[in-house]
C-alpha atoms as a PDB file:
ATOM      1  CA  MET A   1     120.439  84.266  78.215  1.00  0.00           C
ATOM      2  CA  LEU A   2     117.980  86.467  79.790  1.00  0.00           C
ATOM      3  CA  GLU A   3     118.956  88.596  76.832  1.00  0.00           C
ATOM      4  CA  THR A   4     118.270  86.479  74.080  1.00  0.00           C
ATOM      5  CA  LEU A   5     115.035  85.323  76.511  1.00  0.00           C
ATOM      6  CA  ARG A   6     113.525  89.340  76.017  1.00  0.00           C
ATOM      7  CA  THR A   7     113.100  89.019  72.737  1.00  0.00           C
ATOM      8  CA  TRP A   8     109.884  86.639  73.693  1.00  0.00           C
ATOM      9  CA  ALA A   9     110.297  84.645  70.619  1.00  0.00           C
ATOM     10  CA  VAL A  10     112.432  81.898  72.391  1.00  0.00           C
ATOM     11  CA  GLN A  11     110.311  78.575  72.365  1.00  0.00           C
ATOM     12  CA  ASP A  12     110.634  75.042  73.651  1.00  0.00           C
ATOM     13  CA  SER A  13     109.058  73.486  70.560  1.00  0.00           C
ATOM     14  CA  PRO A  14     110.125  70.965  69.507  1.00  0.00           C
ATOM     15  CA  PRO A  15     111.824  70.100  73.033  1.00  0.00           C
ATOM     16  CA  GLY A  16     115.510  71.258  73.018  1.00  0.00           C
ATOM     17  CA  ALA A  17     114.757  74.246  70.497  1.00  0.00           C
ATOM     18  CA  ALA A  18     114.705  76.805  73.666  1.00  0.00           C
ATOM     19  CA  ILE A  19     118.887  75.764  74.774  1.00  0.00           C
ATOM     20  CA  THR A  20     119.724  75.603  71.085  1.00  0.00           C
ATOM     21  CA  ALA A  21     118.813  78.750  70.310  1.00  0.00           C
ATOM     22  CA  LEU A  22     120.747  80.338  73.657  1.00  0.00           C
ATOM     23  CA  VAL A  23     123.573  78.567  72.380  1.00  0.00           C
ATOM     24  CA  ALA A  24     123.738  80.121  69.005  1.00  0.00           C
ATOM     25  CA  ARG A  25     123.652  83.457  70.798  1.00  0.00           C
ATOM     26  CA  GLY A  26     126.032  82.924  73.369  1.00  0.00           C
ATOM     27  CA  ASP A  27     127.552  81.016  76.074  1.00  0.00           C
ATOM     28  CA  VAL A  28     125.192  79.114  78.419  1.00  0.00           C
ATOM     29  CA  GLU A  29     126.569  76.832  81.066  1.00  0.00           C
ATOM     30  CA  VAL A  30     125.203  73.179  80.640  1.00  0.00           C
ATOM     31  CA  GLY A  31     121.918  72.744  82.851  1.00  0.00           C
ATOM     32  CA  ALA A  32     121.631  77.017  83.399  1.00  0.00           C
ATOM     33  CA  LEU A  33     118.250  77.133  81.651  1.00  0.00           C
ATOM     34  CA  ASP A  34     117.045  74.301  83.157  1.00  0.00           C
ATOM     35  CA  ARG A  35     117.877  75.515  86.787  1.00  0.00           C
ATOM     36  CA  ALA A  36     116.647  78.834  85.751  1.00  0.00           C
ATOM     37  CA  ILE A  37     113.583  77.696  84.939  1.00  0.00           C
ATOM     38  CA  TYR A  38     112.668  75.000  87.875  1.00  0.00           C
ATOM     39  CA  GLU A  39     115.029  75.704  90.891  1.00  0.00           C
ATOM     40  CA  GLU A  40     115.798  79.888  90.528  1.00  0.00           C
ATOM     41  CA  ARG A  41     112.225  81.002  88.956  1.00  0.00           C
ATOM     42  CA  THR A  42     113.884  83.548  87.145  1.00  0.00           C
ATOM     43  CA  VAL A  43     112.568  82.219  83.801  1.00  0.00           C
ATOM     44  CA  VAL A  44     109.124  81.037  83.284  1.00  0.00           C
ATOM     45  CA  ALA A  45     108.001  78.365  80.648  1.00  0.00           C
ATOM     46  CA  LEU A  46     104.441  78.384  79.595  1.00  0.00           C
ATOM     47  CA  TYR A  47     101.692  77.968  76.766  1.00  0.00           C
ATOM     48  CA  ASN A  48     101.759  80.801  74.043  1.00  0.00           C
ATOM     49  CA  ALA A  49      98.750  81.812  72.323  1.00  0.00           C
ATOM     50  CA  ARG A  50     100.505  79.247  69.315  1.00  0.00           C
ATOM     51  CA  SER A  51     100.313  76.477  71.608  1.00  0.00           C
ATOM     52  CA  ALA A  52     104.421  76.628  71.530  1.00  0.00           C
ATOM     53  CA  THR A  53     106.064  76.129  74.635  1.00  0.00           C
ATOM     54  CA  ALA A  54     107.331  79.885  75.199  1.00  0.00           C
ATOM     55  CA  VAL A  55     110.416  80.704  77.824  1.00  0.00           C
ATOM     56  CA  VAL A  56     110.693  84.434  78.796  1.00  0.00           C
ATOM     57  CA  PRO A  57     112.217  85.967  82.162  1.00  0.00           C
ATOM     58  CA  ALA A  58     110.152  85.837  84.826  1.00  0.00           C
ATOM     59  CA  ASP A  59     110.286  89.604  85.414  1.00  0.00           C
ATOM     60  CA  GLU A  60     108.498  90.288  81.691  1.00  0.00           C
ATOM     61  CA  VAL A  61     106.389  86.900  81.914  1.00  0.00           C
ATOM     62  CA  ALA A  62     103.083  88.495  83.147  1.00  0.00           C
ATOM     63  CA  ALA A  63     103.410  91.565  80.149  1.00  0.00           C
ATOM     64  CA  TYR A  64     104.275  88.897  77.448  1.00  0.00           C
ATOM     65  CA  ALA A  65     101.778  86.471  79.016  1.00  0.00           C
ATOM     66  CA  THR A  66      98.763  89.109  79.145  1.00  0.00           C
ATOM     67  CA  ALA A  67      99.534  91.186  75.998  1.00  0.00           C
ATOM     68  CA  GLN A  68      97.960  87.947  74.419  1.00  0.00           C
ATOM     69  CA  LEU A  69      95.012  88.454  75.853  1.00  0.00           C
ATOM     70  CA  PRO A  70      91.735  89.218  73.454  1.00  0.00           C
ATOM     71  CA  ALA A  71      89.949  92.122  74.978  1.00  0.00           C
ATOM     72  CA  ASP A  72      86.617  90.152  74.420  1.00  0.00           C
ATOM     73  CA  GLU A  73      85.221  86.877  72.596  1.00  0.00           C
ATOM     74  CA  SER A  74      85.419  88.401  68.809  1.00  0.00           C
ATOM     75  CA  GLU A  75      88.894  88.137  69.349  1.00  0.00           C
ATOM     76  CA  TYR A  76      89.168  84.580  70.081  1.00  0.00           C
ATOM     77  CA  SER A  77      91.576  82.721  68.224  1.00  0.00           C
ATOM     78  CA  GLN A  78      90.864  79.108  66.178  1.00  0.00           C
ATOM     79  CA  LEU A  79      92.305  77.713  68.765  1.00  0.00           C
ATOM     80  CA  VAL A  80      90.282  78.817  72.044  1.00  0.00           C
ATOM     81  CA  ARG A  81      86.837  78.558  70.045  1.00  0.00           C
ATOM     82  CA  ASN A  82      87.522  75.656  69.270  1.00  0.00           C
ATOM     83  CA  ALA A  83      88.347  74.272  72.852  1.00  0.00           C
ATOM     84  CA  VAL A  84      84.993  75.861  74.345  1.00  0.00           C
ATOM     85  CA  GLY A  85      82.857  75.343  71.628  1.00  0.00           C
ATOM     86  CA  GLU A  86      79.704  75.829  72.857  1.00  0.00           C
ATOM     87  CA  GLN A  87      79.945  76.492  76.212  1.00  0.00           C
ATOM     88  CA  GLN A  88      79.063  79.786  77.586  1.00  0.00           C
ATOM     89  CA  GLY A  89      81.543  81.272  79.700  1.00  0.00           C
ATOM     90  CA  GLY A  90      84.125  78.463  78.908  1.00  0.00           C
ATOM     91  CA  VAL A  91      87.150  80.443  79.253  1.00  0.00           C
ATOM     92  CA  GLU A  92      86.391  81.902  82.820  1.00  0.00           C
ATOM     93  CA  LEU A  93      84.737  78.470  83.852  1.00  0.00           C
ATOM     94  CA  ALA A  94      88.232  76.870  83.142  1.00  0.00           C
ATOM     95  CA  THR A  95      90.560  79.577  84.259  1.00  0.00           C
ATOM     96  CA  GLU A  96      88.518  79.422  87.558  1.00  0.00           C
ATOM     97  CA  ALA A  97      89.172  75.578  87.513  1.00  0.00           C
ATOM     98  CA  ILE A  98      92.553  75.754  86.641  1.00  0.00           C
ATOM     99  CA  SER A  99      93.146  77.963  89.256  1.00  0.00           C
ATOM    100  CA  ASP A 100      91.300  76.007  91.980  1.00  0.00           C
ATOM    101  CA  ALA A 101      93.185  72.809  91.092  1.00  0.00           C
ATOM    102  CA  LEU A 102      96.912  74.095  91.106  1.00  0.00           C
ATOM    103  CA  ASP A 103      96.091  75.982  94.488  1.00  0.00           C
ATOM    104  CA  GLY A 104      99.100  75.700  96.475  1.00  0.00           C
ATOM    105  CA  ARG A 105     100.289  72.746  94.946  1.00  0.00           C
ATOM    106  CA  ALA A 106     102.014  71.250  91.478  1.00  0.00           C
ATOM    107  CA  LEU A 107     100.424  68.436  89.219  1.00  0.00           C
ATOM    108  CA  SER A 108     101.763  66.614  86.598  1.00  0.00           C
ATOM    109  CA  ARG A 109      99.345  66.721  83.055  1.00  0.00           C
ATOM    110  CA  ASP A 110      97.579  63.543  84.333  1.00  0.00           C
ATOM    111  CA  ASP A 111      96.884  65.216  87.387  1.00  0.00           C
ATOM    112  CA  LEU A 112      95.162  68.384  86.505  1.00  0.00           C
ATOM    113  CA  HIS A 113      93.181  66.408  84.115  1.00  0.00           C
ATOM    114  CA  GLU A 114      91.483  64.480  86.522  1.00  0.00           C
ATOM    115  CA  GLN A 115      90.698  67.602  88.989  1.00  0.00           C
ATOM    116  CA  LEU A 116      88.947  69.371  85.823  1.00  0.00           C
ATOM    117  CA  ARG A 117      87.237  66.126  85.372  1.00  0.00           C
ATOM    118  CA  GLN A 118      85.956  66.892  88.731  1.00  0.00           C
ATOM    119  CA  ARG A 119      85.061  70.808  87.903  1.00  0.00           C
ATOM    120  CA  LEU A 120      84.503  70.994  84.312  1.00  0.00           C
ATOM    121  CA  PRO A 121      81.130  70.649  82.808  1.00  0.00           C
ATOM    122  CA  GLY A 122      81.128  67.800  79.800  1.00  0.00           C
ATOM    123  CA  ALA A 123      81.070  70.350  77.301  1.00  0.00           C
ATOM    124  CA  LEU A 124      84.522  71.342  78.057  1.00  0.00           C
ATOM    125  CA  LEU A 125      85.855  67.936  78.536  1.00  0.00           C
ATOM    126  CA  PRO A 126      85.522  66.394  74.875  1.00  0.00           C
ATOM    127  CA  TRP A 127      86.759  62.370  74.059  1.00  0.00           C
ATOM    128  CA  CYS A 128      90.395  62.490  73.007  1.00  0.00           C
ATOM    129  CA  GLU A 129      90.872  59.384  71.164  1.00  0.00           C
ATOM    130  CA  GLY A 130      94.421  59.389  71.681  1.00  0.00           C
ATOM    131  CA  CYS A 131      94.150  59.468  75.127  1.00  0.00           C
ATOM    132  CA  GLN A 132      91.276  57.731  75.496  1.00  0.00           C
ATOM    133  CA  SER A 133      89.679  60.182  78.103  1.00  0.00           C
ATOM    134  CA  HIS A 134      87.630  63.245  78.652  1.00  0.00           C
ATOM    135  CA  HIS A 135      89.673  66.501  78.797  1.00  0.00           C
ATOM    136  CA  ALA A 136      90.344  70.152  78.628  1.00  0.00           C
ATOM    137  CA  ARG A 137      91.767  71.120  74.998  1.00  0.00           C
ATOM    138  CA  ARG A 138      95.091  72.749  74.659  1.00  0.00           C
ATOM    139  CA  GLY A 139      93.281  76.536  74.388  1.00  0.00           C
ATOM    140  CA  LEU A 140      92.124  76.654  77.604  1.00  0.00           C
ATOM    141  CA  LEU A 141      95.396  75.496  79.040  1.00  0.00           C
ATOM    142  CA  ILE A 142      96.597  78.585  77.357  1.00  0.00           C
ATOM    143  CA  MET A 143      94.089  80.806  78.624  1.00  0.00           C
ATOM    144  CA  ALA A 144      94.613  80.168  82.050  1.00  0.00           C
ATOM    145  CA  GLY A 145      98.506  80.702  81.443  1.00  0.00           C
ATOM    146  CA  LEU A 146      98.019  84.166  79.963  1.00  0.00           C
ATOM    147  CA  ARG A 147      96.357  84.648  82.945  1.00  0.00           C
ATOM    148  CA  GLY A 148      98.953  83.275  85.088  1.00  0.00           C
ATOM    149  CA  LYS A 149      96.934  80.614  86.557  1.00  0.00           C
ATOM    150  CA  LEU A 150      99.320  77.970  84.577  1.00  0.00           C
ATOM    151  CA  CYS A 151     102.924  77.316  84.010  1.00  0.00           C
ATOM    152  CA  ILE A 152     105.254  74.360  83.370  1.00  0.00           C
ATOM    153  CA  SER A 153     106.914  73.978  86.879  1.00  0.00           C
ATOM    154  CA  GLY A 154     108.966  70.620  86.517  1.00  0.00           C
ATOM    155  CA  ARG A 155     108.256  67.179  85.187  1.00  0.00           C
ATOM    156  CA  VAL A 156     107.037  64.199  86.359  1.00  0.00           C
ATOM    157  CA  GLY A 157     108.579  61.411  84.201  1.00  0.00           C
ATOM    158  CA  ARG A 158     107.806  62.371  80.540  1.00  0.00           C
ATOM    159  CA  GLN A 159     105.242  64.422  81.508  1.00  0.00           C
ATOM    160  CA  PRO A 160     104.828  68.236  82.378  1.00  0.00           C
ATOM    161  CA  GLU A 161     104.151  69.279  85.569  1.00  0.00           C
ATOM    162  CA  PHE A 162     102.307  72.309  85.913  1.00  0.00           C
ATOM    163  CA  ALA A 163     101.569  75.259  88.813  1.00  0.00           C
ATOM    164  CA  ARG A 164     100.332  78.669  89.252  1.00  0.00           C
ATOM    165  CA  THR A 165     102.450  81.177  87.942  1.00  0.00           C
ATOM    166  CA  ASP A 166     101.178  83.801  90.151  1.00  0.00           C
ATOM    167  CA  GLN A 167     102.245  81.809  93.001  1.00  0.00           C
ATOM    168  CA  LEU A 168     105.789  80.958  91.859  1.00  0.00           C
ATOM    169  CA  ILE A 169     106.142  84.750  90.976  1.00  0.00           C
ATOM    170  CA  ARG A 170     105.396  88.079  91.209  1.00  0.00           C
ATOM    171  CA  TRP A 171     102.473  88.643  88.488  1.00  0.00           C
ATOM    172  CA  ASN A 172     102.706  92.487  87.469  1.00  0.00           C
ATOM    173  CA  ALA A 173     101.551  93.458  83.969  1.00  0.00           C
ATOM    174  CA  PRO A 174     101.853  96.712  82.960  1.00  0.00           C
ATOM    175  CA  ALA A 175      98.721  98.244  80.647  1.00  0.00           C
ATOM    176  CA  ASP A 176     100.487  98.588  77.521  1.00  0.00           C
ATOM    177  CA  ALA A 177     101.417  94.829  77.505  1.00  0.00           C
ATOM    178  CA  GLY A 178     100.233  94.386  73.703  1.00  0.00           C
ATOM    179  CA  ALA A 179     102.133  97.416  72.057  1.00  0.00           C
ATOM    180  CA  GLU A 180     105.535  96.217  74.542  1.00  0.00           C
ATOM    181  CA  LEU A 181     104.771  92.784  71.980  1.00  0.00           C
ATOM    182  CA  VAL A 182     104.872  94.594  68.963  1.00  0.00           C
ATOM    183  CA  GLU A 183     107.506  96.153  69.792  1.00  0.00           C
ATOM    184  CA  ARG A 184     109.845  93.340  70.531  1.00  0.00           C
ATOM    185  CA  TYR A 185     108.390  91.159  67.067  1.00  0.00           C
ATOM    186  CA  ARG A 186     109.397  94.417  65.149  1.00  0.00           C
ATOM    187  CA  ASN A 187     112.787  94.695  67.079  1.00  0.00           C
ATOM    188  CA  LEU A 188     113.235  90.836  66.026  1.00  0.00           C
ATOM    189  CA  TYR A 189     112.175  90.709  62.346  1.00  0.00           C
ATOM    190  CA  GLY A 190     112.372  94.165  61.002  1.00  0.00           C
ATOM    191  CA  ASP A 191     109.572  95.757  58.438  1.00  0.00           C
ATOM    192  CA  SER A 192     106.688  93.161  58.547  1.00  0.00           C
ATOM    193  CA  SER A 193     102.924  93.310  58.559  1.00  0.00           C
ATOM    194  CA  ALA A 194      99.988  92.734  60.846  1.00  0.00           C
ATOM    195  CA  ALA A 195      99.002  89.874  58.822  1.00  0.00           C
ATOM    196  CA  ASP A 196     102.396  88.455  59.222  1.00  0.00           C
ATOM    197  CA  PHE A 197     102.454  89.557  63.425  1.00  0.00           C
ATOM    198  CA  ALA A 198      99.116  87.765  63.485  1.00  0.00           C
ATOM    199  CA  GLU A 199     100.704  84.554  62.263  1.00  0.00           C
ATOM    200  CA  TRP A 200     103.856  84.617  64.400  1.00  0.00           C
ATOM    201  CA  SER A 201     101.731  85.122  67.638  1.00  0.00           C
ATOM    202  CA  GLY A 202      99.186  82.762  66.717  1.00  0.00           C
ATOM    203  CA  LEU A 203      96.607  85.408  67.624  1.00  0.00           C
ATOM    204  CA  ALA A 204      93.145  86.132  65.622  1.00  0.00           C
ATOM    205  CA  ARG A 205      93.375  88.706  62.794  1.00  0.00           C
ATOM    206  CA  PRO A 206      91.343  91.483  64.751  1.00  0.00           C
ATOM    207  CA  HIS A 207      93.447  91.185  68.087  1.00  0.00           C
ATOM    208  CA  ALA A 208      96.677  91.240  66.217  1.00  0.00           C
ATOM    209  CA  LYS A 209      95.260  94.033  63.971  1.00  0.00           C
ATOM    210  CA  ARG A 210      94.301  95.710  66.931  1.00  0.00           C
ATOM    211  CA  LEU A 211      97.540  95.892  68.487  1.00  0.00           C
ATOM    212  CA  TRP A 212      99.763  96.153  65.525  1.00  0.00           C
ATOM    213  CA  GLU A 213      97.995  99.673  65.435  1.00  0.00           C
ATOM    214  CA  SER A 214      98.749 100.769  69.210  1.00  0.00           C
ATOM    215  CA  THR A 215     101.979 101.336  68.257  1.00  0.00           C
ATOM    216  CA  ASP A 216     103.969 102.908  64.947  1.00  0.00           C
ATOM    217  CA  ALA A 217     107.571 101.901  66.570  1.00  0.00           C
ATOM    218  CA  LYS A 218     109.791 100.442  63.883  1.00  0.00           C
ATOM    219  CA  GLY A 219     112.645  97.823  64.088  1.00  0.00           C
ATOM    220  CA  GLY A 220     115.733  96.704  62.772  1.00  0.00           C
ATOM    221  CA  GLY A 221     115.975  93.324  62.956  1.00  0.00           C
ATOM    222  CA  GLU A 222     118.207  90.506  64.747  1.00  0.00           C
ATOM    223  CA  ARG A 223     121.814  90.743  63.509  1.00  0.00           C
ATOM    224  CA  LEU A 224     123.910  87.124  63.400  1.00  0.00           C
ATOM    225  CA  ASP A 225     127.515  87.919  62.765  1.00  0.00           C
ATOM    226  CA  GLY A 226     129.600  84.915  61.747  1.00  0.00           C
ATOM    227  CA  VAL A 227     128.558  81.222  61.984  1.00  0.00           C
ATOM    228  CA  ARG A 228     125.666  79.766  63.348  1.00  0.00           C
ATOM    229  CA  LEU A 229     123.501  77.012  63.873  1.00  0.00           C
ATOM    230  CA  LEU A 230     119.876  77.989  64.439  1.00  0.00           C
ATOM    231  CA  GLY A 231     117.576  74.576  65.220  1.00  0.00           C
ATOM    232  CA  PRO A 232     113.859  74.174  64.783  1.00  0.00           C
ATOM    233  CA  GLY A 233     111.734  76.127  66.306  1.00  0.00           C
ATOM    234  CA  ASP A 234     114.487  79.136  66.302  1.00  0.00           C
ATOM    235  CA  PRO A 235     113.188  82.261  66.614  1.00  0.00           C
ATOM    236  CA  GLN A 236     114.551  83.279  62.902  1.00  0.00           C
ATOM    237  CA  LEU A 237     112.863  79.906  61.536  1.00  0.00           C
ATOM    238  CA  GLN A 238     109.708  81.388  63.311  1.00  0.00           C
ATOM    239  CA  ARG A 239     109.498  84.341  60.916  1.00  0.00           C
ATOM    240  CA  ARG A 240     106.840  84.521  57.961  1.00  0.00           C
ATOM    241  CA  ASP A 241     109.069  85.991  54.894  1.00  0.00           C
ATOM    242  CA  ARG A 242     110.514  82.223  54.680  1.00  0.00           C
ATOM    243  CA  GLU A 243     111.223  82.835  51.141  1.00  0.00           C
ATOM    244  CA  ALA A 244     113.284  85.787  51.693  1.00  0.00           C
ATOM    245  CA  PHE A 245     115.382  83.766  54.314  1.00  0.00           C
ATOM    246  CA  VAL A 246     115.494  80.461  52.672  1.00  0.00           C
ATOM    247  CA  PRO A 247     115.059  81.272  49.169  1.00  0.00           C
ATOM    248  CA  ASP A 248     116.181  77.473  47.681  1.00  0.00           C
ATOM    249  CA  PRO A 249     112.736  76.061  47.904  1.00  0.00           C
ATOM    250  CA  ALA A 250     113.843  72.362  48.229  1.00  0.00           C
ATOM    251  CA  TRP A 251     115.556  73.680  51.262  1.00  0.00           C
ATOM    252  CA  ARG A 252     112.323  75.383  52.655  1.00  0.00           C
ATOM    253  CA  LYS A 253     111.069  72.249  52.402  1.00  0.00           C
ATOM    254  CA  GLN A 254     112.940  70.636  54.991  1.00  0.00           C
ATOM    255  CA  VAL A 255     113.343  73.107  57.253  1.00  0.00           C
ATOM    256  CA  TRP A 256     109.544  73.932  57.871  1.00  0.00           C
ATOM    257  CA  LYS A 257     108.256  70.081  57.337  1.00  0.00           C
ATOM    258  CA  ALA A 258     105.553  69.358  59.767  1.00  0.00           C
ATOM    259  CA  ILE A 259     107.899  66.777  62.370  1.00  0.00           C
ATOM    260  CA  GLY A 260     111.488  66.438  61.923  1.00  0.00           C
ATOM    261  CA  GLY A 261     112.622  69.609  60.096  1.00  0.00           C
ATOM    262  CA  ALA A 262     116.210  70.666  59.599  1.00  0.00           C
ATOM    263  CA  GLY A 263     118.350  73.551  60.940  1.00  0.00           C
ATOM    264  CA  VAL A 264     119.931  75.995  58.832  1.00  0.00           C
ATOM    265  CA  ILE A 265     123.324  77.577  59.067  1.00  0.00           C
ATOM    266  CA  THR A 266     123.559  81.288  58.867  1.00  0.00           C
ATOM    267  CA  GLN A 267     127.273  83.390  57.877  1.00  0.00           C
ATOM    268  CA  ASP A 268     126.489  86.888  58.823  1.00  0.00           C
ATOM    269  CA  GLY A 269     122.729  86.531  59.054  1.00  0.00           C
ATOM    270  CA  ALA A 270     122.475  84.703  55.483  1.00  0.00           C
ATOM    271  CA  VAL A 271     121.358  80.924  55.135  1.00  0.00           C
ATOM    272  CA  VAL A 272     124.402  78.949  53.442  1.00  0.00           C
ATOM    273  CA  GLY A 273     123.400  75.304  54.701  1.00  0.00           C
ATOM    274  CA  LEU A 274     121.260  72.591  56.329  1.00  0.00           C
ATOM    275  CA  TRP A 275     122.357  70.673  59.392  1.00  0.00           C
ATOM    276  CA  ARG A 276     120.474  67.920  60.966  1.00  0.00           C
ATOM    277  CA  ALA A 277     121.943  66.054  65.002  1.00  0.00           C
ATOM    278  CA  ARG A 278     121.463  62.861  65.940  1.00  0.00           C
ATOM    279  CA  LYS A 279     123.304  61.514  69.403  1.00  0.00           C
ATOM    280  CA  LYS A 280     125.410  58.319  69.424  1.00  0.00           C
ATOM    281  CA  GLY A 281     126.482  57.259  72.254  1.00  0.00           C
ATOM    282  CA  LYS A 282     128.465  60.545  73.447  1.00  0.00           C
ATOM    283  CA  THR A 283     129.047  61.791  69.979  1.00  0.00           C
ATOM    284  CA  LEU A 284     127.090  64.372  68.356  1.00  0.00           C
ATOM    285  CA  GLU A 285     127.193  63.274  64.801  1.00  0.00           C
ATOM    286  CA  LEU A 286     126.202  66.058  62.526  1.00  0.00           C
ATOM    287  CA  THR A 287     125.015  66.177  58.632  1.00  0.00           C
ATOM    288  CA  VAL A 288     126.067  69.324  56.801  1.00  0.00           C
ATOM    289  CA  GLU A 289     124.076  69.772  53.609  1.00  0.00           C
ATOM    290  CA  GLY A 290     125.130  72.770  51.170  1.00  0.00           C
ATOM    291  CA  ASP A 291     128.540  75.378  51.023  1.00  0.00           C
ATOM    292  CA  ALA A 292     128.430  75.727  54.223  1.00  0.00           C
ATOM    293  CA  PRO A 293     131.488  76.834  56.632  1.00  0.00           C
ATOM    294  CA  ASP A 294     132.996  74.986  58.932  1.00  0.00           C
ATOM    295  CA  VAL A 295     130.653  74.606  61.713  1.00  0.00           C
ATOM    296  CA  ARG A 296     132.720  72.436  64.295  1.00  0.00           C
ATOM    297  CA  GLU A 297     133.503  75.678  66.671  1.00  0.00           C
ATOM    298  CA  PRO A 298     129.344  76.269  67.010  1.00  0.00           C
ATOM    299  CA  ALA A 299     128.861  72.454  66.957  1.00  0.00           C
ATOM    300  CA  GLU A 300     131.361  71.815  69.731  1.00  0.00           C
ATOM    301  CA  ARG A 301     129.566  74.133  72.012  1.00  0.00           C
ATOM    302  CA  LEU A 302     126.160  72.471  71.348  1.00  0.00           C
ATOM    303  CA  ALA A 303     127.445  68.956  72.302  1.00  0.00           C
ATOM    304  CA  PRO A 304     127.852  69.578  76.322  1.00  0.00           C
ATOM    305  CA  HIS A 305     124.171  70.341  75.963  1.00  0.00           C
ATOM    306  CA  ARG A 306     123.274  67.198  74.016  1.00  0.00           C
ATOM    307  CA  GLY A 307     125.251  65.242  76.978  1.00  0.00           C
ATOM    308  CA  CYS A 308     127.847  64.836  74.592  1.00  0.00           C
ATOM    309  CA  THR A 309     131.632  64.927  74.648  1.00  0.00           C
ATOM    310  CA  ALA A 310     132.410  64.749  71.196  1.00  0.00           C
ATOM    311  CA  VAL A 311     131.526  66.126  67.531  1.00  0.00           C
ATOM    312  CA  LYS A 312     131.446  64.219  64.386  1.00  0.00           C
ATOM    313  CA  LEU A 313     131.238  65.905  60.914  1.00  0.00           C
ATOM    314  CA  ARG A 314     129.519  64.212  57.825  1.00  0.00           C
END
C-alpha cells in the first residue's frame, strides 16, 4: 500500500478513489487505509494544489506538501488568487487563523469555519450561496495544508474533521522537495512537459516551469501488467495525454465526465474496456463495456472494500 502511495498521485477524489486505486495494484486488507489515516497516522489525507484530497505516507507528506508552495505571490494559482481576492497578506492571515483554531484540537468543517469567522477579515469570508453563510474558500485551506497546518484527521457525520498535521506527525520537509515532485511525476507518467505537469499538479504555470527545470531526471512510466480495474480518480486517469491512453473519443467522454465518469479496464497497460459499479444489497454489480477480458477476479478483490460479499457482471 505505501509503495503505491509513494507515487504522490493517489487521491480520494471522488470518495473511494484511493482504495480502488490501491486494490487495483495489490492486495489491501479491508479497512487498512482508514486505519492508517485515522488511527495509526502512518498516512495523511490533505487537500493538494489541485483541490483534490491527496493520500500520502506520513513520512513524505511534508515534502509532498511544501513542494507545492509558491515562492511568492507571482506563483499563486488561480484557485489561491480567487480565495485571497484583494486582501493583502491573505494567505498568511488565513494560515495563522487556521493554525490557531486547530491548535491542540480537531474540528469539523462547519466548526472550523465558525472559528475562522471570528478570526478573519470579511474580505476572506465571501458569501456562499450553497451554504447560506460566509466562509473561507477552499484555496486558503489548501495553503494552510501545504504548510502543515491542516489535514483531514477523521469524520464527523458526513463532514471531514480537520487537525494540524504538524501536531499529529513529525513535519520535516527537505529543501529539494520541488524537484522530488517532478521526479515522482515523471516516474509515473514517463515523457511529458512542463505544461502537462502544471495541469496535473494544479500549480500556476510559472511555478510548475520553475520546478520542471530544477531537474533533468527521466522517468519510465508505471507498469500495469495483467487485468486491472482503474476507477475514476485513479492516478492513470489523472494523466494529461488522454488521447494516447484512451484512443476512442466516445470512451474519453465517458471516462472524463465532470461527474460520474466511468472507470477503465486495462490489460497489460492498454485500455480495453470501461466499467461502472453500483452496490445492490451485498452484491457489487459491474457493468462492462467493450471487448474486455474476464474481470471477475479483480472485481471480487474490490467487492469487500465496497461492503459486498458477491459480484455480478453485466
